[in-house]
Amino acid sequence: MLTASEKRFIKSWEEQRQGGRVKYYLLYITMGTIVCALVIAFLTQVLGFGLPQSLIKIIVGSFLIVTFSTIFSWWYNEKKFKAIIQREVKEGMRRDDELTS
């Protein structure tokens, strides 16, 4: 039996994966890199690190962090999605077997 959180996850993940992996990667890596770079740039200014010398490092670092996170999140969500679906299929088959015996 699906819990409420599993139902929400399945619904949201089906919407996210509808466009495919490439669209997902492009969207989240692009937007994530921009947001991450802004946050890191802000933090370097607040903490007193030099921004002009390290701007390229910030952008590259942001890109790497967000790319890794995006790839991991796709993998993790797909794994979770498939595990839930397989569990429900097995449970349904078990119920069918009980009804026929």
Protein backbone atom coordinates (compact mmCIF):
# COMPACT_ATOMS: atom_id res chain seq x y z
CA MET A 1 0.00 0.00 0.00
CA LEU A 2 1.35 3.39 -0.96
CA THR A 3 1.79 6.02 1.74
CA ALA A 4 0.78 9.63 1.12
CA SER A 5 4.41 10.71 0.78
CA GLU A 6 5.09 7.92 -1.75
CA LYS A 7 2.07 8.99 -3.78
CA ARG A 8 3.31 12.59 -3.80
CA PHE A 9 6.80 11.45 -4.76
CA ILE A 10 5.54 9.26 -7.62
CA LYS A 11 3.35 12.05 -8.98
CA SER A 12 6.08 14.70 -8.82
CA TRP A 13 8.80 12.40 -10.17
CA GLU A 14 6.65 11.29 -13.10
CA GLU A 15 6.21 14.97 -14.00
CA GLN A 16 9.95 15.66 -13.64
CA ARG A 17 11.08 12.71 -15.73
CA GLN A 18 8.53 13.31 -18.48
CA GLY A 19 10.89 15.51 -20.48
CA GLY A 20 13.73 13.05 -20.17
CA ARG A 21 17.11 13.05 -18.55
CA VAL A 22 18.73 15.59 -20.88
CA LYS A 23 16.05 18.24 -20.29
CA TYR A 24 16.25 17.60 -16.55
CA TYR A 25 20.04 17.94 -16.57
CA LEU A 26 20.01 21.09 -18.70
CA LEU A 27 17.42 22.83 -16.54
CA TYR A 28 18.86 21.98 -13.15
CA ILE A 29 22.52 22.33 -14.06
CA THR A 30 21.97 25.71 -15.74
CA MET A 31 19.76 27.24 -13.07
CA GLY A 32 21.62 25.56 -10.23
CA THR A 33 24.99 26.84 -11.42
CA ILE A 34 23.69 30.40 -11.53
CA VAL A 35 22.16 30.21 -8.05
CA CYS A 36 25.14 28.39 -6.55
CA ALA A 37 27.61 30.88 -8.07
CA LEU A 38 25.63 33.80 -6.64
CA VAL A 39 25.53 32.22 -3.19
CA ILE A 40 29.24 31.38 -3.20
CA ALA A 41 30.15 34.84 -4.53
CA PHE A 42 28.08 36.43 -1.77
CA LEU A 43 29.69 34.25 0.88
CA THR A 44 33.21 35.01 -0.39
CA GLN A 45 32.46 38.73 -0.12
CA VAL A 46 30.99 38.39 3.36
CA LEU A 47 33.91 36.27 4.54
CA GLY A 48 36.44 38.65 3.02
CA PHE A 49 37.84 36.55 0.17
CA GLY A 50 38.72 38.32 -3.08
CA LEU A 51 36.00 38.04 -5.71
CA PRO A 52 37.68 39.23 -8.96
CA GLN A 53 40.55 36.73 -8.83
CA SER A 54 38.32 33.82 -7.94
CA LEU A 55 35.27 34.47 -10.14
CA ILE A 56 36.23 31.76 -12.63
CA LYS A 57 36.90 29.35 -9.76
CA ILE A 58 33.49 30.14 -8.29
CA ILE A 59 31.72 29.48 -11.59
CA VAL A 60 33.63 26.25 -12.27
CA GLY A 61 33.17 25.06 -8.70
CA SER A 62 29.47 25.84 -8.82
CA PHE A 63 29.11 23.99 -12.10
CA LEU A 64 30.86 20.91 -10.72
CA ILE A 65 28.88 20.88 -7.47
CA VAL A 66 25.54 21.31 -9.23
CA THR A 67 26.35 18.80 -11.97
CA PHE A 68 27.27 16.12 -9.43
CA SER A 69 24.17 16.90 -7.34
CA THR A 70 21.87 16.81 -10.38
CA ILE A 71 23.23 13.49 -11.65
CA PHE A 72 23.00 11.99 -8.16
CA SER A 73 19.46 13.26 -7.62
CA TRP A 74 18.28 11.76 -10.95
CA TRP A 75 19.89 8.43 -10.08
CA TYR A 76 18.50 8.40 -6.53
CA ASN A 77 14.97 9.40 -7.56
CA GLU A 78 14.88 6.81 -10.37
CA LYS A 79 16.07 4.13 -7.96
CA LYS A 80 13.44 5.11 -5.39
CA PHE A 81 10.70 5.29 -8.06
CA LYS A 82 11.53 1.85 -9.46
CA ALA A 83 11.73 0.30 -5.98
CA ILE A 84 8.27 1.61 -5.08
CA ILE A 85 6.77 0.42 -8.37
CA GLN A 86 8.40 -3.04 -8.07
CA ARG A 87 7.21 -3.37 -4.48
CA GLU A 88 3.65 -2.52 -5.49
CA VAL A 89 3.74 -4.95 -8.42
CA LYS A 90 4.99 -7.76 -6.17
CA GLU A 91 2.37 -6.93 -3.57
CA GLY A 92 -0.35 -6.97 -6.24
CA MET A 93 0.85 -10.33 -7.54
CA ARG A 94 0.85 -11.72 -3.99
CA ARG A 95 -2.73 -10.51 -3.46
CA ASP A 96 -3.80 -12.08 -6.77
CA ASP A 97 -2.23 -15.38 -5.73
CA GLU A 98 -4.05 -15.27 -2.38
CA LEU A 99 -7.38 -14.60 -4.10
CA THR A 100 -6.98 -17.47 -6.57
CA SER A 101 -5.90 -20.03 -3.95
